[in-house]
Protein backbone atom coordinates (compact mmCIF):
# COMPACT_ATOMS: atom_id res chain seq x y z
CA MET A 1 74.50 115.81 193.29
CA ALA A 2 75.41 115.88 196.98
CA ASN A 3 77.11 113.73 199.66
CA ASP A 4 74.91 110.71 200.61
CA ILE A 5 75.69 109.67 204.14
CA ALA A 6 72.58 107.82 204.99
CA GLY A 7 73.62 104.62 203.96
CA ASN A 8 76.43 102.06 203.74
CA PRO A 9 78.52 103.00 201.97
CA LEU A 10 79.03 106.63 202.44
CA HIS A 11 79.04 108.34 199.06
CA ILE A 12 81.33 111.37 198.87
CA LEU A 13 81.16 113.72 195.88
CA ASP A 14 81.95 117.07 197.40
CA ALA A 15 85.02 117.82 199.98
CA ALA A 16 84.32 119.67 203.20
CA ALA A 17 86.53 120.31 206.13
CA ALA A 18 83.66 119.97 208.69
CA ASN A 19 83.03 116.62 210.10
CA ILE A 20 80.26 114.75 208.08
CA ILE A 21 80.36 111.94 210.72
CA THR A 22 80.59 113.04 214.47
CA GLY A 23 80.45 109.66 216.27
CA LEU A 24 82.46 106.29 215.94
CA ILE A 25 83.06 104.77 212.51
CA ARG A 26 84.81 101.63 211.79
CA ILE A 27 85.93 101.73 208.27
CA THR A 28 86.38 98.54 206.40
CA LYS A 29 87.01 99.66 202.87
CA ILE A 30 87.80 102.88 200.86
CA SER A 31 87.03 103.09 197.18
CA TRP A 32 88.05 106.12 195.21
CA GLU A 33 87.47 106.63 191.38
CA PRO A 34 90.32 109.22 190.11
CA VAL A 35 89.41 110.59 186.76
CA ALA A 36 92.49 112.87 185.80
CA VAL A 37 96.12 113.14 186.48
CA ASP A 38 97.01 115.03 189.87
CA ASP A 39 93.47 113.92 191.47
CA THR A 40 93.58 113.85 195.24
CA ALA A 41 91.51 112.31 197.90
CA GLU A 42 92.16 112.81 201.68
CA ILE A 43 89.96 111.75 204.80
CA LYS A 44 90.76 113.00 208.27
CA ASP A 45 89.40 111.88 211.65
CA GLY A 46 87.47 114.32 214.00
CA GLN A 47 90.81 115.44 215.57
CA GLY A 48 92.26 116.59 212.01
CA ARG A 49 94.55 113.51 211.82
CA THR A 50 94.95 112.14 208.35
CA LEU A 51 93.54 108.55 207.86
CA TYR A 52 93.73 108.30 204.12
CA HIS A 53 95.52 110.38 201.53
CA LYS A 54 96.14 109.31 197.98
CA THR A 55 96.85 110.96 194.84
CA LEU A 56 96.78 109.43 191.38
CA HIS A 57 100.75 109.56 191.42
CA ASP A 58 100.48 107.04 194.15
CA LEU A 59 98.77 104.68 191.79
CA GLY A 60 100.62 105.23 188.66
CA THR A 61 100.32 107.57 185.68
CA ALA A 62 97.73 107.87 182.91
CA THR A 63 100.41 106.51 180.44
CA ASN A 64 100.34 103.14 182.76
CA ALA A 65 96.72 102.89 181.50
CA ILE A 66 95.32 102.72 185.02
CA MET A 67 92.56 105.60 184.61
CA PRO A 68 89.67 105.39 185.42
CA GLU A 69 90.22 102.34 187.59
CA ILE A 70 89.02 102.33 191.11
CA ALA A 71 91.54 102.40 193.74
CA ASP A 72 90.39 100.31 196.77
CA SER A 73 91.88 100.01 200.02
CA ASP A 74 90.59 97.30 202.47
CA PHE A 75 91.12 97.47 206.34
CA VAL A 76 91.38 94.39 208.23
CA PRO A 77 90.97 94.89 211.16
CA PRO A 78 88.67 98.01 210.50
CA LEU A 79 90.16 101.51 210.73
CA VAL A 80 88.49 103.19 213.94
CA ALA A 81 87.92 106.82 214.02
CA TYR A 82 85.89 109.34 215.83
CA GLY A 83 84.57 111.84 213.47
CA LEU A 84 85.19 111.96 209.75
CA SER A 85 85.77 114.78 207.07
CA VAL A 86 86.70 114.63 203.42
CA PRO A 87 88.77 118.07 203.23
CA THR A 88 90.39 117.04 199.91
CA LEU A 89 88.45 115.46 197.05
CA THR A 90 89.19 116.60 193.48
CA SER A 91 86.40 117.79 191.80
CA GLY A 92 84.55 115.13 189.70
CA ASN A 93 85.95 112.34 191.88
CA HIS A 94 83.70 109.85 193.68
CA LEU A 95 84.68 108.34 197.06
CA MET A 96 82.85 105.48 198.73
CA ILE A 97 83.57 104.71 202.44
CA TYR A 98 82.32 101.30 203.53
CA TYR A 99 81.98 100.63 207.25
CA ASP A 100 81.01 98.21 209.99
CA GLY A 101 78.14 99.08 212.27
CA PRO A 102 74.82 100.69 212.43
CA SER A 103 73.47 102.75 209.35
CA PRO A 104 72.98 105.66 209.26
CA LEU A 105 75.81 106.87 211.47
CA LYS A 106 75.75 109.86 213.88
CA THR A 107 76.06 113.13 212.00
CA THR A 108 75.34 115.74 214.58
């Protein structure tokens, strides 16, 4: 499967250093489903600044029985960025980025 950035939420399955969104985005929620110890998810804005970085260690450990629970982060007010990339996403993970505004977002 490939990334689906045509709707809301954005469904991210594959990491890419290049921007997947080039315009304004107002992120209201990020939902990440880690599947194994040491999984990592990272989101950056168009300038390369880290907006979101989580590892399974931030959430606990497998012995704490948190897997495969979804890690949600809500942003009130929304997290505003110009451009968006997901340079790090452990293989097999699923990341959903919810946003406020028109759909689809500007991608070129």
